[in-house]
Amino acid sequence: MDIEVRAEGARLTIVLDGELNTPAAPRFEAAYEQNKGGMNEIVIDMEKLVYITSSGMRVLLDIHQEMEEIGGSLTVRGVSGEIMDVFEVTGFTSFLHIE
């Protein structure tokens, strides 16, 4: 999986490309942790993401919870139909802001 990180002011955008599987989840988490300082708006771009496992979803949940604690926001955009199905079945659509 490829991960691109862009910081603009207080917005951090993380672009995911490929499969967010068990080996890739720690890299996603590290990209967030290394760049989150001073950020209160997180955007996860999944336009090129083709697969997600529970490990990747755990990282999303952790980011969501952290943003809630600090009064920030998490937006997930570009979600494919297959990944949206996973979000719906697991209840993630009830708390994630998805564009």
C-alpha atoms as a PDB file:
ATOM      1  CA  MET A   1       0.000   0.000   0.000  1.00  0.00           C
ATOM      2  CA  ASP A   2       1.156   3.512  -0.795  1.00  0.00           C
ATOM      3  CA  ILE A   3       0.504   6.332   1.669  1.00  0.00           C
ATOM      4  CA  GLU A   4       0.757  10.027   0.823  1.00  0.00           C
ATOM      5  CA  VAL A   5       0.552  12.632   3.570  1.00  0.00           C
ATOM      6  CA  ARG A   6      -0.239  16.306   2.980  1.00  0.00           C
ATOM      7  CA  ALA A   7      -0.460  18.990   5.636  1.00  0.00           C
ATOM      8  CA  GLU A   8      -2.214  22.285   4.923  1.00  0.00           C
ATOM      9  CA  GLY A   9      -2.627  24.540   7.934  1.00  0.00           C
ATOM     10  CA  ALA A  10      -4.517  22.518  10.557  1.00  0.00           C
ATOM     11  CA  ARG A  11      -5.702  19.948   7.974  1.00  0.00           C
ATOM     12  CA  LEU A  12      -3.911  16.648   7.512  1.00  0.00           C
ATOM     13  CA  THR A  13      -4.838  14.624   4.430  1.00  0.00           C
ATOM     14  CA  ILE A  14      -3.766  11.001   4.186  1.00  0.00           C
ATOM     15  CA  VAL A  15      -4.191   9.381   0.760  1.00  0.00           C
ATOM     16  CA  LEU A  16      -4.358   5.574   0.778  1.00  0.00           C
ATOM     17  CA  ASP A  17      -3.638   3.580  -2.370  1.00  0.00           C
ATOM     18  CA  GLY A  18      -3.929  -0.204  -2.522  1.00  0.00           C
ATOM     19  CA  GLU A  19      -4.940  -2.582   0.270  1.00  0.00           C
ATOM     20  CA  LEU A  20      -5.253  -1.495   3.886  1.00  0.00           C
ATOM     21  CA  ASN A  21      -4.577  -4.959   5.276  1.00  0.00           C
ATOM     22  CA  THR A  22      -2.959  -6.222   8.478  1.00  0.00           C
ATOM     23  CA  PRO A  23       0.649  -5.518   7.394  1.00  0.00           C
ATOM     24  CA  ALA A  24      -0.266  -2.035   6.066  1.00  0.00           C
ATOM     25  CA  ALA A  25      -2.321  -0.860   9.073  1.00  0.00           C
ATOM     26  CA  PRO A  26       0.715  -0.058  11.270  1.00  0.00           C
ATOM     27  CA  ARG A  27       2.171   2.061   8.449  1.00  0.00           C
ATOM     28  CA  PHE A  28      -1.126   3.969   8.171  1.00  0.00           C
ATOM     29  CA  GLU A  29      -1.176   4.482  11.935  1.00  0.00           C
ATOM     30  CA  ALA A  30       2.474   5.628  11.940  1.00  0.00           C
ATOM     31  CA  ALA A  31       1.808   8.117   9.114  1.00  0.00           C
ATOM     32  CA  TYR A  32      -1.023   9.599  11.178  1.00  0.00           C
ATOM     33  CA  GLU A  33       0.906   9.619  14.474  1.00  0.00           C
ATOM     34  CA  GLN A  34       4.002  11.233  12.933  1.00  0.00           C
ATOM     35  CA  ASN A  35       2.017  14.052  11.324  1.00  0.00           C
ATOM     36  CA  LYS A  36      -0.958  14.741  13.620  1.00  0.00           C
ATOM     37  CA  GLY A  37       0.696  17.427  15.749  1.00  0.00           C
ATOM     38  CA  GLY A  38      -1.326  20.643  15.644  1.00  0.00           C
ATOM     39  CA  MET A  39      -3.931  19.151  13.310  1.00  0.00           C
ATOM     40  CA  ASN A  40      -7.626  19.308  14.127  1.00  0.00           C
ATOM     41  CA  GLU A  41      -9.016  18.263  10.747  1.00  0.00           C
ATOM     42  CA  ILE A  42      -8.121  14.860   9.340  1.00  0.00           C
ATOM     43  CA  VAL A  43      -9.111  13.768   5.837  1.00  0.00           C
ATOM     44  CA  ILE A  44      -8.601  10.156   4.772  1.00  0.00           C
ATOM     45  CA  ASP A  45      -8.768   9.859   0.979  1.00  0.00           C
ATOM     46  CA  MET A  46      -9.761   6.316  -0.021  1.00  0.00           C
ATOM     47  CA  GLU A  47     -10.361   6.906  -3.712  1.00  0.00           C
ATOM     48  CA  LYS A  48      -7.577   4.457  -4.631  1.00  0.00           C
ATOM     49  CA  LEU A  49      -8.146   2.055  -1.733  1.00  0.00           C
ATOM     50  CA  VAL A  50      -9.396  -1.333  -2.918  1.00  0.00           C
ATOM     51  CA  TYR A  51      -9.543  -3.358   0.305  1.00  0.00           C
ATOM     52  CA  ILE A  52      -9.718  -2.843   4.065  1.00  0.00           C
ATOM     53  CA  THR A  53      -9.395  -5.286   6.956  1.00  0.00           C
ATOM     54  CA  SER A  54     -10.369  -4.982  10.598  1.00  0.00           C
ATOM     55  CA  SER A  55      -6.828  -3.779  11.366  1.00  0.00           C
ATOM     56  CA  GLY A  56      -7.288  -0.787   9.078  1.00  0.00           C
ATOM     57  CA  MET A  57     -10.726  -0.132  10.503  1.00  0.00           C
ATOM     58  CA  ARG A  58      -9.281  -0.128  14.022  1.00  0.00           C
ATOM     59  CA  VAL A  59      -6.893   2.661  13.003  1.00  0.00           C
ATOM     60  CA  LEU A  60      -9.836   4.653  11.589  1.00  0.00           C
ATOM     61  CA  LEU A  61     -11.737   4.135  14.839  1.00  0.00           C
ATOM     62  CA  ASP A  62      -8.737   5.293  16.888  1.00  0.00           C
ATOM     63  CA  ILE A  63      -8.382   8.442  14.752  1.00  0.00           C
ATOM     64  CA  HIS A  64     -12.116   9.126  15.048  1.00  0.00           C
ATOM     65  CA  GLN A  65     -12.008   8.784  18.838  1.00  0.00           C
ATOM     66  CA  GLU A  66      -8.966  11.041  19.114  1.00  0.00           C
ATOM     67  CA  MET A  67     -10.573  13.727  16.952  1.00  0.00           C
ATOM     68  CA  GLU A  68     -13.734  13.565  19.084  1.00  0.00           C
ATOM     69  CA  GLU A  69     -11.665  14.020  22.259  1.00  0.00           C
ATOM     70  CA  ILE A  70      -9.961  17.175  20.967  1.00  0.00           C
ATOM     71  CA  GLY A  71     -13.019  18.595  19.208  1.00  0.00           C
ATOM     72  CA  GLY A  72     -11.561  17.986  15.764  1.00  0.00           C
ATOM     73  CA  SER A  73     -13.031  16.288  12.730  1.00  0.00           C
ATOM     74  CA  LEU A  74     -12.394  13.212  10.623  1.00  0.00           C
ATOM     75  CA  THR A  75     -13.666  13.002   7.059  1.00  0.00           C
ATOM     76  CA  VAL A  76     -13.375   9.900   4.898  1.00  0.00           C
ATOM     77  CA  ARG A  77     -13.789  10.500   1.176  1.00  0.00           C
ATOM     78  CA  GLY A  78     -13.706   8.566  -2.068  1.00  0.00           C
ATOM     79  CA  VAL A  79     -15.008   5.334  -0.527  1.00  0.00           C
ATOM     80  CA  SER A  80     -15.670   2.525  -3.031  1.00  0.00           C
ATOM     81  CA  GLY A  81     -18.896   0.554  -2.971  1.00  0.00           C
ATOM     82  CA  GLU A  82     -17.171  -2.517  -1.550  1.00  0.00           C
ATOM     83  CA  ILE A  83     -15.599  -0.621   1.327  1.00  0.00           C
ATOM     84  CA  MET A  84     -18.863   1.266   1.955  1.00  0.00           C
ATOM     85  CA  ASP A  85     -20.562  -2.125   2.324  1.00  0.00           C
ATOM     86  CA  VAL A  86     -18.032  -3.039   5.017  1.00  0.00           C
ATOM     87  CA  PHE A  87     -18.612   0.295   6.775  1.00  0.00           C
ATOM     88  CA  GLU A  88     -22.380  -0.251   6.694  1.00  0.00           C
ATOM     89  CA  VAL A  89     -22.237  -3.826   8.015  1.00  0.00           C
ATOM     90  CA  THR A  90     -19.899  -2.846  10.854  1.00  0.00           C
ATOM     91  CA  GLY A  91     -21.809   0.302  11.820  1.00  0.00           C
ATOM     92  CA  PHE A  92     -19.020   2.688  10.869  1.00  0.00           C
ATOM     93  CA  THR A  93     -21.470   4.730   8.791  1.00  0.00           C
ATOM     94  CA  SER A  94     -23.212   5.730  12.027  1.00  0.00           C
ATOM     95  CA  PHE A  95     -20.246   7.775  13.243  1.00  0.00           C
ATOM     96  CA  LEU A  96     -17.883   8.396  10.303  1.00  0.00           C
ATOM     97  CA  HIS A  97     -18.362  11.508   8.189  1.00  0.00           C
ATOM     98  CA  ILE A  98     -18.153  10.052   4.675  1.00  0.00           C
ATOM     99  CA  GLU A  99     -18.075  12.180   1.527  1.00  0.00           C
END
